[in-house]
Structure formats: structure tokens, C-alpha cells
Amino acid sequence: MESNPPSTDNRTRRFEMRLTEAEHEALLGMERSLGMARAEIVRHRVFGRTTQVANARQLMQQLDALGAELGRSGNNVNQLARHANTLNRQGTLGPAALAGINGALGDYTEIQHQIERKLRKLIRMMKQP
């Protein structure tokens, strides 16, 4: 059974430990790669607050890139819809082309819903202490 002490701003106890040079370098490397302070790394590892510690800066960059990609995909869908409307006005939008467009839009919509569900799950995980 995991015991997670309550996190407070009133930390009054101090803990020190000795490290080898290699351990110290490894800890410094973790600080740089995770973008976290040593104390937070130790708290996360010792008290099991999360199953995995992530680099918040890198995570935000990846989420930003995902958002940009979703925006580009949305633009592509808009272009496809405009093209379909043009073909429809010209009377050249056949059933096969319409079925292909509908299939592509359905696939896009399903993928977008999967991404949204995963993002909501990720946000909930980030909010947990």
C-alpha cells in the first residue's frame, strides 16, 4: 500500500545524502532532462506520486506541435470540403468521389476524437498530485 504524505508548503524537515561523483552527475542529468529540482525528483521517486516523471517543457512542446498538426489537418478538411462544393456546383461530383470524401472525413473525425480523448486523459493525469 502506497503512502503519499500530504504535500505542503510548510516543509520543516531537511534530508541530506551522500552520492558518488557518478550518482551526482546522474542526478544533475535528470534535473536537466526533466526540468525539475532535485528535491522534486526525489519526492516523486520516493513517495511514488507518479508512475513516471516527465519533462514538462518537452511535453508542452510536443502538445503544441500536436495542436499545430491538428490545425493543419483541419485546414485540409476545409480545402476538401470547398473542392467538393465546387464539383457539386459544376455537377461533376459523382457518387464514387462523394463516397471517398465521406470516408476520408469519417476517418479524420474518428482520429480527432481519439486524440481529444487522449489529451483529456493526459490533462487529468497532469492535474493529479
Protein backbone atom coordinates (compact mmCIF):
# COMPACT_ATOMS: atom_id res chain seq x y z
CA MET A 1 0.00 0.00 0.00
CA GLU A 2 1.37 3.37 -1.05
CA SER A 3 1.55 6.11 1.48
CA ASN A 4 1.76 9.56 -0.01
CA PRO A 5 2.42 12.18 2.61
CA PRO A 6 0.44 15.36 2.05
CA SER A 7 2.31 17.94 0.03
CA THR A 8 2.52 21.24 1.88
CA ASP A 9 4.44 24.45 1.65
CA ASN A 10 5.39 24.08 5.33
CA ARG A 11 8.27 21.70 4.87
CA THR A 12 10.36 21.95 8.00
CA ARG A 13 12.42 18.78 7.86
CA ARG A 14 15.69 18.54 5.98
CA PHE A 15 17.23 15.43 4.46
CA GLU A 16 20.79 15.05 3.24
CA MET A 17 22.51 12.21 1.47
CA ARG A 18 25.94 11.42 0.14
CA LEU A 19 26.44 10.50 -3.50
CA THR A 20 29.30 9.23 -5.55
CA GLU A 21 30.50 11.53 -8.31
CA ALA A 22 28.73 9.32 -10.87
CA GLU A 23 25.46 9.39 -8.91
CA HIS A 24 25.70 13.16 -8.57
CA GLU A 25 26.26 13.56 -12.32
CA ALA A 26 23.30 11.26 -13.00
CA LEU A 27 21.09 13.35 -10.70
CA LEU A 28 22.23 16.57 -12.40
CA GLY A 29 21.43 14.96 -15.76
CA MET A 30 17.93 14.11 -14.52
CA GLU A 31 17.46 17.70 -13.39
CA ARG A 32 18.39 18.98 -16.84
CA SER A 33 16.39 16.43 -18.81
CA LEU A 34 13.26 16.60 -16.65
CA GLY A 35 13.39 20.31 -15.92
CA MET A 36 12.74 19.61 -12.23
CA ALA A 37 14.53 20.45 -9.00
CA ARG A 38 16.41 17.68 -7.19
CA ALA A 39 14.04 17.72 -4.26
CA GLU A 40 11.03 17.21 -6.52
CA ILE A 41 12.72 14.33 -8.34
CA VAL A 42 13.47 12.63 -5.02
CA ARG A 43 9.94 13.24 -3.70
CA HIS A 44 8.40 11.78 -6.84
CA ARG A 45 10.64 8.73 -6.75
CA VAL A 46 10.48 8.07 -3.00
CA PHE A 47 6.79 8.74 -2.40
CA GLY A 48 5.56 7.31 -5.69
CA ARG A 49 3.45 10.34 -6.53
CA THR A 50 3.52 9.43 -10.19
CA THR A 51 4.44 6.30 -12.05
CA GLN A 52 6.56 8.35 -14.44
CA VAL A 53 8.15 11.75 -14.20
CA ALA A 54 8.01 13.73 -17.44
CA ASN A 55 9.86 16.74 -18.72
CA ALA A 56 7.13 19.39 -18.60
CA ARG A 57 8.89 21.67 -21.09
CA GLN A 58 9.29 18.87 -23.64
CA LEU A 59 5.72 17.70 -23.05
CA MET A 60 4.37 21.20 -23.72
CA GLN A 61 6.42 21.45 -26.93
CA GLN A 62 5.00 18.14 -28.13
CA LEU A 63 1.45 19.17 -27.25
CA ASP A 64 1.99 22.44 -29.11
CA ALA A 65 3.21 20.52 -32.16
CA LEU A 66 0.18 18.24 -31.93
CA GLY A 67 -2.11 21.26 -31.83
CA ALA A 68 -0.42 22.72 -34.90
CA GLU A 69 -0.79 19.42 -36.74
CA LEU A 70 -4.48 19.26 -35.84
CA GLY A 71 -4.85 22.79 -37.21
CA ARG A 72 -3.21 21.80 -40.48
CA SER A 73 -5.47 18.74 -40.70
CA GLY A 74 -8.50 20.95 -40.16
CA ASN A 75 -7.32 23.21 -43.00
CA ASN A 76 -7.01 20.16 -45.26
CA VAL A 77 -10.56 19.12 -44.41
CA ASN A 78 -11.80 22.63 -45.23
CA GLN A 79 -10.00 22.53 -48.59
CA LEU A 80 -11.54 19.14 -49.32
CA ALA A 81 -15.00 20.45 -48.48
CA ARG A 82 -14.52 23.53 -50.72
CA HIS A 83 -13.39 21.32 -53.58
CA ALA A 84 -16.39 19.02 -53.10
CA ASN A 85 -18.71 22.05 -53.13
CA THR A 86 -17.10 23.32 -56.34
CA LEU A 87 -17.53 19.93 -58.00
CA ASN A 88 -21.12 19.77 -56.78
CA ARG A 89 -21.93 23.23 -58.24
CA GLN A 90 -20.42 22.12 -61.55
CA GLY A 91 -22.50 18.95 -61.44
CA THR A 92 -19.39 16.74 -61.64
CA LEU A 93 -19.44 15.31 -58.11
CA GLY A 94 -20.11 11.65 -58.70
CA PRO A 95 -21.18 9.03 -56.14
CA ALA A 96 -17.72 7.42 -56.05
CA ALA A 97 -15.99 10.73 -55.32
CA LEU A 98 -18.60 11.59 -52.69
CA ALA A 99 -18.15 8.20 -51.02
CA GLY A 100 -14.38 8.71 -50.94
CA ILE A 101 -14.75 12.16 -49.41
CA ASN A 102 -17.23 10.89 -46.82
CA GLY A 103 -14.88 8.03 -45.91
CA ALA A 104 -11.92 10.37 -45.51
CA LEU A 105 -13.96 12.76 -43.35
CA GLY A 106 -15.19 9.87 -41.21
CA ASP A 107 -11.62 8.65 -40.68
CA TYR A 108 -10.47 12.17 -39.81
CA THR A 109 -13.32 12.62 -37.33
CA GLU A 110 -12.58 9.32 -35.58
CA ILE A 111 -8.87 10.10 -35.29
CA GLN A 112 -9.68 13.58 -33.96
CA HIS A 113 -11.97 12.08 -31.30
CA GLN A 114 -9.24 9.63 -30.25
CA ILE A 115 -6.74 12.46 -29.92
CA GLU A 116 -9.20 14.54 -27.89
CA ARG A 117 -9.85 11.62 -25.51
CA LYS A 118 -6.12 11.06 -25.03
CA LEU A 119 -5.48 14.76 -24.44
CA ARG A 120 -8.25 14.93 -21.82
CA LYS A 121 -6.77 11.86 -20.10
CA LEU A 122 -3.32 13.45 -20.17
CA ILE A 123 -4.64 16.71 -18.72
CA ARG A 124 -6.39 14.80 -15.90
CA MET A 125 -3.15 12.94 -15.17
CA MET A 126 -1.20 16.21 -15.06
CA LYS A 127 -3.66 17.71 -12.56
CA GLN A 128 -3.27 14.83 -10.10
CA PRO A 129 -0.83 15.46 -7.26
